[in-house]
Protein backbone atom coordinates (compact mmCIF):
# COMPACT_ATOMS: atom_id res chain seq x y z
CA MET A 1 -0.18 0.06 -0.05
CA ALA A 2 1.24 3.39 -1.32
CA ASP A 3 1.77 6.21 1.89
CA ARG A 4 -0.94 8.55 1.55
CA HIS A 5 -0.45 12.53 2.46
CA PRO A 6 -2.29 14.84 1.87
CA ALA A 7 -1.77 17.32 -0.21
CA PRO A 8 0.12 20.79 1.79
CA ASP A 9 -2.05 23.30 2.34
CA THR A 10 -0.48 25.82 0.20
CA PRO A 11 -1.54 29.54 -0.84
CA GLU A 12 -2.16 29.00 -3.75
CA LEU A 13 -4.15 25.79 -2.80
CA ARG A 14 -6.46 28.80 -0.81
CA ALA A 15 -6.72 30.57 -3.71
CA ARG A 16 -7.74 27.80 -5.91
CA TRP A 17 -10.05 25.88 -3.44
CA GLY A 18 -10.79 28.51 -0.60
CA GLN A 19 -14.56 29.60 -2.11
CA PHE A 20 -15.50 26.30 -2.99
CA ASP A 21 -18.72 25.56 -3.21
CA TRP A 22 -21.96 23.35 -4.50
CA SER A 23 -22.50 23.58 -8.22
CA ALA A 24 -26.26 23.91 -8.93
CA ASP A 25 -27.10 20.17 -9.72
CA ASN A 26 -24.49 18.87 -6.76
CA ALA A 27 -26.46 21.58 -4.23
CA VAL A 28 -29.78 19.88 -5.12
CA LEU A 29 -27.72 16.50 -4.93
CA ALA A 30 -25.97 17.42 -1.66
CA LYS A 31 -29.69 18.48 -0.09
CA ALA A 32 -31.00 15.07 -1.27
CA ILE A 33 -28.54 12.71 0.25
CA ILE A 34 -28.55 14.63 3.90
CA ALA A 35 -32.64 14.57 3.92
CA ARG A 36 -31.80 10.42 4.01
CA TYR A 37 -30.29 10.27 7.61
CA PRO A 38 -32.75 11.19 10.61
CA ALA A 39 -32.79 14.18 12.65
CA GLY A 40 -29.44 14.49 14.72
CA ARG A 41 -27.52 12.05 12.25
CA GLN A 42 -26.79 13.76 9.34
CA ARG A 43 -23.29 13.86 10.16
CA SER A 44 -23.65 10.04 8.44
CA ALA A 45 -23.62 11.68 5.37
CA VAL A 46 -20.16 12.31 4.94
CA MET A 47 -19.03 9.47 3.32
CA PRO A 48 -21.32 10.49 0.30
CA LEU A 49 -20.47 14.08 0.48
CA LEU A 50 -16.58 13.44 0.55
CA ASP A 51 -17.46 11.33 -2.45
CA LEU A 52 -19.76 13.98 -4.70
CA ALA A 53 -17.35 16.76 -3.57
CA GLN A 54 -14.49 14.89 -5.21
CA ARG A 55 -16.19 14.47 -8.22
CA GLN A 56 -17.01 17.96 -8.57
CA VAL A 57 -13.51 18.55 -8.24
CA GLY A 58 -12.17 16.19 -11.08
CA ALA A 59 -15.16 17.75 -13.49
CA ALA A 60 -13.41 20.93 -12.59
CA GLU A 61 -9.80 19.50 -13.45
CA GLN A 62 -10.84 16.56 -15.79
CA THR A 63 -9.64 14.22 -13.61
CA GLN A 64 -10.89 11.42 -11.66
CA GLY A 65 -11.11 14.07 -8.56
CA TRP A 66 -9.39 14.67 -5.43
CA LEU A 67 -10.40 16.48 -1.88
CA PRO A 68 -8.55 19.22 -1.35
CA LEU A 69 -8.17 20.49 2.55
CA PRO A 70 -10.66 23.26 2.05
CA VAL A 71 -12.98 21.49 0.40
CA ILE A 72 -12.75 19.06 3.05
CA GLU A 73 -13.33 22.29 5.57
CA PHE A 74 -16.50 22.90 3.54
CA VAL A 75 -18.04 19.46 3.58
CA ALA A 76 -17.34 20.09 7.51
CA ARG A 77 -18.97 23.00 7.84
CA THR A 78 -21.69 21.57 5.90
CA LEU A 79 -22.51 18.92 8.00
CA ALA A 80 -21.35 20.87 11.17
CA MET A 81 -18.75 18.06 12.21
CA PRO A 82 -15.00 19.34 13.55
CA VAL A 83 -12.57 19.26 10.37
CA ILE A 84 -10.43 16.82 11.69
CA ARG A 85 -12.96 14.18 11.74
CA VAL A 86 -13.97 14.59 8.58
CA LEU A 87 -10.09 14.21 7.76
CA GLU A 88 -10.08 11.08 9.79
CA VAL A 89 -12.41 9.80 6.79
CA ALA A 90 -11.06 11.35 3.82
CA THR A 91 -7.57 9.47 4.64
CA PHE A 92 -8.98 6.58 6.08
CA TYR A 93 -10.64 5.08 2.90
CA THR A 94 -8.64 4.60 -0.47
CA MET A 95 -11.88 5.54 -2.46
CA TYR A 96 -10.91 9.58 -1.58
CA ASN A 97 -7.99 11.03 -3.16
CA ILE A 98 -5.83 13.03 -0.51
CA ALA A 99 -3.61 14.75 -3.51
CA PRO A 100 -4.26 15.48 -6.80
CA VAL A 101 -4.74 12.42 -9.02
CA GLY A 102 -4.44 12.32 -12.90
CA ARG A 103 -7.56 11.66 -15.87
CA PHE A 104 -6.89 7.77 -15.19
CA HIS A 105 -6.26 6.64 -11.47
CA VAL A 106 -5.30 3.30 -12.09
CA GLN A 107 -5.39 1.08 -8.71
CA VAL A 108 -3.77 -2.28 -9.01
CA CYS A 109 -4.68 -4.93 -6.35
CA GLY A 110 -1.39 -6.19 -4.84
CA THR A 111 -3.71 -8.55 -2.12
CA THR A 112 -2.86 -12.34 -1.97
CA PRO A 113 -5.15 -13.44 -4.33
CA CYS A 114 -4.55 -10.72 -6.89
CA GLN A 115 -0.66 -11.54 -6.11
CA LEU A 116 -0.96 -15.19 -6.62
CA ARG A 117 -2.54 -14.69 -9.82
CA GLY A 118 0.15 -12.20 -11.21
CA SER A 119 -0.18 -8.99 -9.75
CA ASP A 120 3.41 -8.15 -9.78
CA ASP A 121 2.94 -8.54 -13.64
CA ILE A 122 0.30 -6.38 -14.21
CA MET A 123 2.51 -3.92 -12.05
CA ALA A 124 5.29 -4.71 -14.05
CA ALA A 125 3.93 -3.77 -17.00
CA CYS A 126 2.16 -0.56 -15.57
CA LYS A 127 5.78 0.82 -15.06
CA ALA A 128 6.93 -0.50 -18.37
CA ARG A 129 4.05 1.85 -19.63
CA GLY A 130 5.56 4.68 -17.53
CA LEU A 131 3.75 4.77 -14.45
CA HIS A 132 5.04 4.35 -10.98
CA VAL A 133 3.31 4.42 -7.68
CA GLY A 134 2.27 7.24 -6.28
CA HIS A 135 2.85 9.51 -9.14
CA THR A 136 1.53 10.89 -12.35
CA THR A 137 2.93 10.81 -15.68
CA GLY A 138 4.00 13.80 -17.38
CA ASP A 139 1.17 14.31 -19.57
CA GLY A 140 -1.40 14.12 -16.61
CA LEU A 141 -2.93 11.38 -17.51
CA PHE A 142 -1.85 8.18 -15.44
CA THR A 143 -2.21 8.17 -11.42
CA LEU A 144 -0.72 4.65 -10.18
CA THR A 145 -2.02 3.60 -6.97
CA GLU A 146 -1.63 0.13 -5.40
CA VAL A 147 -4.33 -0.75 -3.03
CA GLU A 148 -5.79 -3.37 -0.99
CA CYS A 149 -8.43 -5.68 -1.68
CA MET A 150 -11.56 -4.39 -4.07
CA GLY A 151 -13.54 -7.74 -4.02
CA ASN A 152 -12.63 -9.55 -7.32
CA CYS A 153 -10.68 -12.21 -6.18
CA ALA A 154 -12.20 -14.93 -8.40
CA SER A 155 -11.03 -12.55 -11.29
CA ALA A 156 -8.04 -11.77 -10.14
CA PRO A 157 -5.58 -10.16 -11.10
CA MET A 158 -7.82 -7.04 -10.90
CA VAL A 159 -7.65 -3.10 -11.87
CA GLN A 160 -9.88 -0.88 -10.73
CA ILE A 161 -9.69 2.80 -13.23
CA ASN A 162 -11.66 5.50 -11.90
CA ASP A 163 -14.85 4.09 -11.80
CA ASP A 164 -14.09 0.56 -13.93
CA ASN A 165 -12.89 -2.64 -12.81
CA TYR A 166 -10.85 -4.78 -15.22
CA GLU A 167 -10.33 -8.29 -14.33
CA ASP A 168 -8.57 -11.46 -15.49
CA LEU A 169 -5.93 -9.21 -16.41
CA SER A 170 -2.44 -10.22 -18.04
CA ALA A 171 0.56 -7.82 -19.22
CA GLU A 172 -0.46 -7.49 -22.75
CA SER A 173 -4.27 -6.92 -21.86
CA ILE A 174 -3.16 -3.99 -19.08
CA THR A 175 -0.89 -2.72 -21.82
CA HIS A 176 -3.93 -2.41 -24.32
CA ILE A 177 -6.37 -1.19 -21.91
CA LEU A 178 -3.88 1.97 -21.07
CA ASP A 179 -2.96 2.61 -24.78
CA GLU A 180 -6.66 2.47 -25.19
CA LEU A 181 -7.78 5.10 -22.65
CA ALA A 182 -4.00 7.19 -23.66
CA ALA A 183 -6.18 7.36 -27.35
CA GLY A 184 -9.44 8.48 -26.02
CA ARG A 185 -11.13 5.16 -26.58
CA GLN A 186 -12.93 3.52 -24.39
CA PRO A 187 -11.51 -0.09 -23.31
CA LYS A 188 -13.93 -3.26 -22.46
CA THR A 189 -14.54 -3.38 -18.70
CA GLY A 190 -14.71 -6.28 -16.46
CA SER A 191 -13.34 -9.57 -17.51
CA GLN A 192 -10.78 -9.59 -19.95
CA ALA A 193 -11.14 -13.30 -20.44
CA PRO A 194 -11.96 -14.82 -24.17
CA GLY A 195 -15.54 -16.21 -23.21
CA ARG A 196 -15.86 -15.16 -19.77
CA HIS A 197 -18.51 -12.02 -19.22
CA THR A 198 -18.58 -11.92 -15.07
CA VAL A 199 -17.11 -14.92 -12.70
CA GLU A 200 -18.70 -17.54 -13.87
CA PRO A 201 -16.19 -20.65 -14.27
CA LEU A 202 -14.21 -20.50 -17.90
CA GLY A 203 -15.88 -23.92 -19.76
CA GLY A 204 -19.36 -23.41 -18.39
CA PRO A 205 -20.56 -24.25 -14.68
CA THR A 206 -19.60 -27.79 -12.99
CA THR A 207 -22.77 -27.75 -10.64
CA LEU A 208 -26.13 -26.47 -9.73
CA ARG A 209 -26.32 -26.50 -14.35
CA ALA A 210 -30.14 -26.36 -14.57
CA MET A 211 -29.69 -23.12 -13.33
CA VAL A 212 -28.17 -21.64 -16.49
CA SER A 213 -31.32 -21.43 -18.42
CA GLU A 214 -34.04 -21.20 -16.07
CA ASN A 215 -34.40 -20.62 -12.29
CA HIS A 216 -34.81 -24.30 -11.15
CA ASP A 217 -35.89 -25.38 -8.22
CA TYR A 218 -33.32 -28.44 -6.54
CA ARG A 219 -35.35 -28.56 -3.21
CA GLY A 220 -37.19 -31.87 -4.49
CA GLU A 221 -34.06 -33.53 -5.47
CA TRP A 222 -32.27 -33.02 -2.36
């Protein structure tokens, strides 16, 4: 796991983000999000509001987005929370970027199932393509991060790029995906294995085969 440090609180950062406020559309969304929670529990909205704020920053910068400290302070004021409490959430969950990222945030899973299935090869392919952990490429396109399990163990190794997952990867397939993104095209998401749509067994199921074509009731057979 790469180290995570908030971007320094500089005058330039304050000049750019010190007056952050919701866009018109996001103001409506934020109000609806807060309204989901009962009276006295509005602070429970901190995670979706941080996500919304990160996406607004990303739209402004044409990247995946991140959370400058003034934006974190804005969310804290919105929910009447101490800033440190919001910062604790933002720094704990890797879904929040606490430093600037590129247009495409490449998050390579390095946990045991992916590691056993070749995540080292995926990382090596990313490095061969000019990506380095914790850094953004000079053209501003890619930021590379190594992360913990993202729940796609059955289709390891996997990478998340912005909001999309790419699974059953090889060095060749991740290189193709990065090349397609750099060229402005959208590569196929999900499993990259031929003939596999999600995480069904390659070659077809070996159990519960009757469920392939219908909702078969096995109870009378057990």
